[in-house]
C-alpha atoms as a PDB file:
ATOM      1  CA  UNK A   1       0.000   0.000   0.000  1.00  0.00           C
ATOM      2  CA  UNK A   2       1.277   3.511  -0.788  1.00  0.00           C
ATOM      3  CA  UNK A   3       0.143   4.942   2.559  1.00  0.00           C
ATOM      4  CA  UNK A   4      -1.022   3.716   5.965  1.00  0.00           C
ATOM      5  CA  UNK A   5      -3.188   5.694   8.389  1.00  0.00           C
ATOM      6  CA  UNK A   6      -3.195   5.019  12.135  1.00  0.00           C
ATOM      7  CA  UNK A   7      -5.945   6.925  13.947  1.00  0.00           C
ATOM      8  CA  UNK A   8      -6.341   7.294  17.728  1.00  0.00           C
ATOM      9  CA  UNK A   9      -9.563   6.232  19.426  1.00  0.00           C
ATOM     10  CA  UNK A  10     -10.732   9.834  19.783  1.00  0.00           C
ATOM     11  CA  UNK A  11      -9.727  10.450  16.120  1.00  0.00           C
ATOM     12  CA  UNK A  12      -7.761  13.553  17.155  1.00  0.00           C
ATOM     13  CA  UNK A  13      -4.352  12.070  16.309  1.00  0.00           C
ATOM     14  CA  UNK A  14      -3.472  10.695  12.890  1.00  0.00           C
ATOM     15  CA  UNK A  15      -0.166   9.062  11.971  1.00  0.00           C
ATOM     16  CA  UNK A  16       0.547   8.694   8.243  1.00  0.00           C
ATOM     17  CA  UNK A  17       3.312   6.373   7.029  1.00  0.00           C
ATOM     18  CA  UNK A  18       4.502   5.940   3.467  1.00  0.00           C
ATOM     19  CA  UNK A  19       7.839   5.159   1.810  1.00  0.00           C
ATOM     20  CA  UNK A  20       9.082   8.769   1.971  1.00  0.00           C
ATOM     21  CA  UNK A  21       6.973  10.328   4.734  1.00  0.00           C
ATOM     22  CA  UNK A  22       6.087   9.937   8.412  1.00  0.00           C
ATOM     23  CA  UNK A  23       3.539  12.520   9.564  1.00  0.00           C
ATOM     24  CA  UNK A  24       1.685  13.124  12.814  1.00  0.00           C
ATOM     25  CA  UNK A  25      -1.396  15.353  12.702  1.00  0.00           C
ATOM     26  CA  UNK A  26      -3.498  16.695  15.550  1.00  0.00           C
ATOM     27  CA  UNK A  27      -7.013  17.407  14.313  1.00  0.00           C
ATOM     28  CA  UNK A  28      -9.660  19.466  16.092  1.00  0.00           C
ATOM     29  CA  UNK A  29     -12.725  17.227  16.212  1.00  0.00           C
ATOM     30  CA  UNK A  30     -15.122  19.704  17.840  1.00  0.00           C
ATOM     31  CA  UNK A  31     -15.294  23.376  18.758  1.00  0.00           C
ATOM     32  CA  UNK A  32     -14.416  22.620  22.395  1.00  0.00           C
ATOM     33  CA  UNK A  33     -11.437  20.386  21.542  1.00  0.00           C
ATOM     34  CA  UNK A  34      -8.286  21.726  23.209  1.00  0.00           C
ATOM     35  CA  UNK A  35      -4.942  21.572  21.454  1.00  0.00           C
ATOM     36  CA  UNK A  36      -2.618  19.559  23.739  1.00  0.00           C
ATOM     37  CA  UNK A  37       0.446  21.708  23.012  1.00  0.00           C
ATOM     38  CA  UNK A  38       3.667  21.062  21.130  1.00  0.00           C
ATOM     39  CA  UNK A  39       5.359  19.205  23.996  1.00  0.00           C
ATOM     40  CA  UNK A  40       2.669  16.509  24.020  1.00  0.00           C
ATOM     41  CA  UNK A  41       2.533  16.252  20.219  1.00  0.00           C
ATOM     42  CA  UNK A  42       6.339  16.229  20.031  1.00  0.00           C
ATOM     43  CA  UNK A  43       6.511  13.372  22.558  1.00  0.00           C
ATOM     44  CA  UNK A  44       4.012  11.425  20.454  1.00  0.00           C
ATOM     45  CA  UNK A  45       6.113  12.053  17.339  1.00  0.00           C
ATOM     46  CA  UNK A  46       9.298  10.846  19.051  1.00  0.00           C
ATOM     47  CA  UNK A  47       7.518   7.712  20.244  1.00  0.00           C
ATOM     48  CA  UNK A  48       6.214   7.098  16.707  1.00  0.00           C
ATOM     49  CA  UNK A  49       9.635   7.496  15.088  1.00  0.00           C
ATOM     50  CA  UNK A  50      11.423   5.253  17.587  1.00  0.00           C
ATOM     51  CA  UNK A  51       8.754   2.556  17.266  1.00  0.00           C
ATOM     52  CA  UNK A  52       9.049   2.734  13.491  1.00  0.00           C
ATOM     53  CA  UNK A  53      12.833   2.284  13.715  1.00  0.00           C
ATOM     54  CA  UNK A  54      12.260  -0.866  15.803  1.00  0.00           C
ATOM     55  CA  UNK A  55       9.769  -2.233  13.285  1.00  0.00           C
ATOM     56  CA  UNK A  56      12.059  -1.553  10.313  1.00  0.00           C
ATOM     57  CA  UNK A  57      15.148  -3.027  12.006  1.00  0.00           C
ATOM     58  CA  UNK A  58      13.277  -6.117  13.275  1.00  0.00           C
ATOM     59  CA  UNK A  59      13.228  -7.652   9.810  1.00  0.00           C
ATOM     60  CA  UNK A  60      16.684  -9.232   9.531  1.00  0.00           C
ATOM     61  CA  UNK A  61      16.221  -9.934   5.824  1.00  0.00           C
ATOM     62  CA  UNK A  62      15.372  -6.340   4.962  1.00  0.00           C
ATOM     63  CA  UNK A  63      17.934  -3.682   4.054  1.00  0.00           C
ATOM     64  CA  UNK A  64      15.486  -0.835   4.763  1.00  0.00           C
ATOM     65  CA  UNK A  65      16.765   1.986   6.970  1.00  0.00           C
ATOM     66  CA  UNK A  66      14.851   4.962   8.346  1.00  0.00           C
ATOM     67  CA  UNK A  67      16.845   8.094   7.472  1.00  0.00           C
ATOM     68  CA  UNK A  68      15.026  11.378   8.274  1.00  0.00           C
ATOM     69  CA  UNK A  69      15.962  14.331   6.095  1.00  0.00           C
ATOM     70  CA  UNK A  70      13.481  17.204   5.760  1.00  0.00           C
ATOM     71  CA  UNK A  71      11.393  17.891   8.884  1.00  0.00           C
ATOM     72  CA  UNK A  72       8.284  20.061   8.928  1.00  0.00           C
ATOM     73  CA  UNK A  73       6.190  21.723  11.620  1.00  0.00           C
ATOM     74  CA  UNK A  74       2.885  23.245  10.472  1.00  0.00           C
ATOM     75  CA  UNK A  75       0.284  25.254  12.376  1.00  0.00           C
ATOM     76  CA  UNK A  76      -3.049  26.314  10.871  1.00  0.00           C
ATOM     77  CA  UNK A  77      -4.823  29.179  12.652  1.00  0.00           C
ATOM     78  CA  UNK A  78      -8.375  30.326  11.939  1.00  0.00           C
ATOM     79  CA  UNK A  79      -9.151  33.966  12.688  1.00  0.00           C
ATOM     80  CA  UNK A  80     -12.899  34.397  12.751  1.00  0.00           C
ATOM     81  CA  UNK A  81     -15.302  37.271  13.078  1.00  0.00           C
ATOM     82  CA  UNK A  82     -15.617  39.340  16.217  1.00  0.00           C
ATOM     83  CA  UNK A  83     -18.329  38.167  18.651  1.00  0.00           C
ATOM     84  CA  UNK A  84     -21.713  39.313  17.357  1.00  0.00           C
ATOM     85  CA  UNK A  85     -20.341  40.182  13.920  1.00  0.00           C
ATOM     86  CA  UNK A  86     -20.338  38.348  10.597  1.00  0.00           C
ATOM     87  CA  UNK A  87     -17.698  40.581   9.009  1.00  0.00           C
ATOM     88  CA  UNK A  88     -14.197  39.430   8.144  1.00  0.00           C
ATOM     89  CA  UNK A  89     -11.736  41.059  10.585  1.00  0.00           C
ATOM     90  CA  UNK A  90      -9.762  43.850   8.976  1.00  0.00           C
ATOM     91  CA  UNK A  91      -6.416  42.579   7.668  1.00  0.00           C
ATOM     92  CA  UNK A  92      -4.722  45.610   9.236  1.00  0.00           C
ATOM     93  CA  UNK A  93      -6.032  44.437  12.625  1.00  0.00           C
ATOM     94  CA  UNK A  94      -4.717  40.918  12.133  1.00  0.00           C
ATOM     95  CA  UNK A  95      -1.249  41.394  10.618  1.00  0.00           C
ATOM     96  CA  UNK A  96       1.416  43.953  11.379  1.00  0.00           C
ATOM     97  CA  UNK A  97       2.354  46.356   8.596  1.00  0.00           C
ATOM     98  CA  UNK A  98      -0.829  45.992   6.541  1.00  0.00           C
ATOM     99  CA  UNK A  99      -2.533  49.388   6.445  1.00  0.00           C
ATOM    100  CA  UNK A 100      -3.855  49.404   2.865  1.00  0.00           C
ATOM    101  CA  UNK A 101      -6.220  50.941   2.146  1.00  0.00           C
ATOM    102  CA  UNK A 102      -6.008  53.804   4.606  1.00  0.00           C
ATOM    103  CA  UNK A 103      -9.234  55.092   6.146  1.00  0.00           C
ATOM    104  CA  UNK A 104      -9.451  58.035   3.729  1.00  0.00           C
ATOM    105  CA  UNK A 105      -8.461  56.113   0.553  1.00  0.00           C
ATOM    106  CA  UNK A 106     -10.784  55.515  -2.392  1.00  0.00           C
ATOM    107  CA  UNK A 107     -10.801  51.714  -1.982  1.00  0.00           C
ATOM    108  CA  UNK A 108     -13.020  50.111   0.651  1.00  0.00           C
ATOM    109  CA  UNK A 109     -11.785  47.576   3.190  1.00  0.00           C
ATOM    110  CA  UNK A 110     -10.131  44.456   1.781  1.00  0.00           C
ATOM    111  CA  UNK A 111     -12.799  41.837   1.006  1.00  0.00           C
ATOM    112  CA  UNK A 112     -10.410  38.934   0.494  1.00  0.00           C
ATOM    113  CA  UNK A 113      -6.715  38.236   0.085  1.00  0.00           C
ATOM    114  CA  UNK A 114      -4.107  35.604  -0.683  1.00  0.00           C
ATOM    115  CA  UNK A 115      -0.721  36.416   0.843  1.00  0.00           C
ATOM    116  CA  UNK A 116       2.426  34.291   0.764  1.00  0.00           C
ATOM    117  CA  UNK A 117       5.673  34.982   2.624  1.00  0.00           C
ATOM    118  CA  UNK A 118       8.927  33.008   2.836  1.00  0.00           C
ATOM    119  CA  UNK A 119      11.818  33.466   5.271  1.00  0.00           C
ATOM    120  CA  UNK A 120      15.202  31.727   5.240  1.00  0.00           C
ATOM    121  CA  UNK A 121      16.181  29.706   8.304  1.00  0.00           C
ATOM    122  CA  UNK A 122      19.964  30.094   8.550  1.00  0.00           C
ATOM    123  CA  UNK A 123      22.384  27.361   9.546  1.00  0.00           C
ATOM    124  CA  UNK A 124      26.006  27.651  10.621  1.00  0.00           C
ATOM    125  CA  UNK A 125      27.365  27.688   7.071  1.00  0.00           C
ATOM    126  CA  UNK A 126      24.330  27.784   4.766  1.00  0.00           C
ATOM    127  CA  UNK A 127      20.555  28.050   4.648  1.00  0.00           C
ATOM    128  CA  UNK A 128      19.109  25.246   6.767  1.00  0.00           C
ATOM    129  CA  UNK A 129      15.463  25.600   5.818  1.00  0.00           C
ATOM    130  CA  UNK A 130      12.606  28.029   5.324  1.00  0.00           C
ATOM    131  CA  UNK A 131       9.538  29.331   7.087  1.00  0.00           C
ATOM    132  CA  UNK A 132       6.550  29.675   4.755  1.00  0.00           C
ATOM    133  CA  UNK A 133       3.520  31.732   5.777  1.00  0.00           C
ATOM    134  CA  UNK A 134       0.233  31.991   3.928  1.00  0.00           C
ATOM    135  CA  UNK A 135      -2.790  34.128   4.756  1.00  0.00           C
ATOM    136  CA  UNK A 136      -6.030  33.350   2.930  1.00  0.00           C
ATOM    137  CA  UNK A 137      -9.571  34.627   3.219  1.00  0.00           C
ATOM    138  CA  UNK A 138     -11.915  31.658   3.601  1.00  0.00           C
ATOM    139  CA  UNK A 139     -15.297  30.517   4.880  1.00  0.00           C
ATOM    140  CA  UNK A 140     -15.723  28.296   7.930  1.00  0.00           C
ATOM    141  CA  UNK A 141     -17.089  24.877   6.920  1.00  0.00           C
ATOM    142  CA  UNK A 142     -19.513  24.593   9.836  1.00  0.00           C
ATOM    143  CA  UNK A 143     -20.670  28.169  10.490  1.00  0.00           C
ATOM    144  CA  UNK A 144     -20.408  29.621   6.992  1.00  0.00           C
ATOM    145  CA  UNK A 145     -18.792  32.719   8.516  1.00  0.00           C
ATOM    146  CA  UNK A 146     -15.861  34.466   6.795  1.00  0.00           C
ATOM    147  CA  UNK A 147     -12.449  34.006   8.364  1.00  0.00           C
ATOM    148  CA  UNK A 148      -8.727  34.244   7.773  1.00  0.00           C
ATOM    149  CA  UNK A 149      -6.740  31.015   7.528  1.00  0.00           C
ATOM    150  CA  UNK A 150      -3.117  31.572   8.520  1.00  0.00           C
ATOM    151  CA  UNK A 151      -0.738  28.665   7.900  1.00  0.00           C
ATOM    152  CA  UNK A 152       2.863  28.645   9.081  1.00  0.00           C
ATOM    153  CA  UNK A 153       5.211  25.840   7.999  1.00  0.00           C
ATOM    154  CA  UNK A 154       8.854  25.537   9.051  1.00  0.00           C
ATOM    155  CA  UNK A 155      10.818  23.067   6.896  1.00  0.00           C
ATOM    156  CA  UNK A 156      14.292  22.250   8.221  1.00  0.00           C
ATOM    157  CA  UNK A 157      16.947  19.735   7.181  1.00  0.00           C
ATOM    158  CA  UNK A 158      17.951  17.199   9.842  1.00  0.00           C
ATOM    159  CA  UNK A 159      21.703  17.638  10.309  1.00  0.00           C
ATOM    160  CA  UNK A 160      22.930  14.033  10.170  1.00  0.00           C
ATOM    161  CA  UNK A 161      19.862  12.045   9.133  1.00  0.00           C
ATOM    162  CA  UNK A 162      19.334  10.467  12.562  1.00  0.00           C
ATOM    163  CA  UNK A 163      16.247  10.418  14.780  1.00  0.00           C
ATOM    164  CA  UNK A 164      17.781  12.767  17.363  1.00  0.00           C
ATOM    165  CA  UNK A 165      18.700  15.254  14.635  1.00  0.00           C
ATOM    166  CA  UNK A 166      15.158  15.062  13.270  1.00  0.00           C
ATOM    167  CA  UNK A 167      13.695  15.763  16.706  1.00  0.00           C
ATOM    168  CA  UNK A 168      16.000  18.778  17.126  1.00  0.00           C
ATOM    169  CA  UNK A 169      14.933  20.025  13.701  1.00  0.00           C
ATOM    170  CA  UNK A 170      11.272  19.712  14.705  1.00  0.00           C
ATOM    171  CA  UNK A 171      11.936  21.639  17.928  1.00  0.00           C
ATOM    172  CA  UNK A 172      13.682  24.367  15.936  1.00  0.00           C
ATOM    173  CA  UNK A 173      10.796  24.412  13.464  1.00  0.00           C
ATOM    174  CA  UNK A 174       8.333  24.901  16.315  1.00  0.00           C
ATOM    175  CA  UNK A 175      10.415  27.833  17.584  1.00  0.00           C
ATOM    176  CA  UNK A 176      10.355  29.452  14.140  1.00  0.00           C
ATOM    177  CA  UNK A 177       6.595  28.978  13.795  1.00  0.00           C
ATOM    178  CA  UNK A 178       5.833  30.463  17.212  1.00  0.00           C
ATOM    179  CA  UNK A 179       8.173  33.432  16.844  1.00  0.00           C
ATOM    180  CA  UNK A 180       7.083  34.011  13.256  1.00  0.00           C
ATOM    181  CA  UNK A 181       3.474  34.043  14.406  1.00  0.00           C
ATOM    182  CA  UNK A 182       4.291  36.575  17.120  1.00  0.00           C
ATOM    183  CA  UNK A 183       6.274  38.802  14.738  1.00  0.00           C
ATOM    184  CA  UNK A 184       3.682  38.878  11.953  1.00  0.00           C
ATOM    185  CA  UNK A 185       0.459  39.321  13.929  1.00  0.00           C
ATOM    186  CA  UNK A 186      -0.870  42.259  15.906  1.00  0.00           C
ATOM    187  CA  UNK A 187      -0.976  42.697  19.668  1.00  0.00           C
ATOM    188  CA  UNK A 188      -4.764  42.579  19.491  1.00  0.00           C
ATOM    189  CA  UNK A 189      -4.627  39.177  17.843  1.00  0.00           C
ATOM    190  CA  UNK A 190      -2.031  37.935  20.331  1.00  0.00           C
ATOM    191  CA  UNK A 191      -4.521  38.586  23.116  1.00  0.00           C
ATOM    192  CA  UNK A 192      -7.278  36.769  21.214  1.00  0.00           C
ATOM    193  CA  UNK A 193      -5.141  33.754  20.318  1.00  0.00           C
ATOM    194  CA  UNK A 194      -3.680  33.423  23.787  1.00  0.00           C
ATOM    195  CA  UNK A 195      -7.263  33.174  24.988  1.00  0.00           C
ATOM    196  CA  UNK A 196      -8.387  30.542  22.471  1.00  0.00           C
ATOM    197  CA  UNK A 197      -5.011  28.816  21.975  1.00  0.00           C
ATOM    198  CA  UNK A 198      -2.546  29.918  19.315  1.00  0.00           C
ATOM    199  CA  UNK A 199       0.747  28.207  18.469  1.00  0.00           C
ATOM    200  CA  UNK A 200       2.428  26.822  21.585  1.00  0.00           C
END
């Protein structure tokens, strides 16, 4: 089979395994589901990788070896309407540095947008990876209300291809996602996300 899915009993955790990918996803199953935090998800990922190494190495006739290379950490944040409103929050309220159009300009408020940003993640001697950020106007599947979908993905090369190096790369990726989130979004949004649970 090209891909295997392993789903937890509560269906919140999904492990995907294929010949060139091992992925662990936490999925919000209901509005009151609480994100467990990176430490808990990271521990689950480490457990998954080490168990997979044991499975691969248990077959004495196989020459397969698990060699991590590129490691990714992704957070998807939904920024919905203000309480009691069905309007998309102003982009200038959500992201720092976006003040177009100004209040006295000809154009009205931005109705929708598709923004993509990329930042280099430096290593000791060369670029180690990149942080990619996208901001899209969207509609919530359940409520039908307009929202912003902000996705941050840090992709970093594991230094020596080992499990420990991969785990360090994931930790570094988490740091870039969290700090990138803080740098790009407004103080007002920080307060909102810290209340409902932003990247952590």
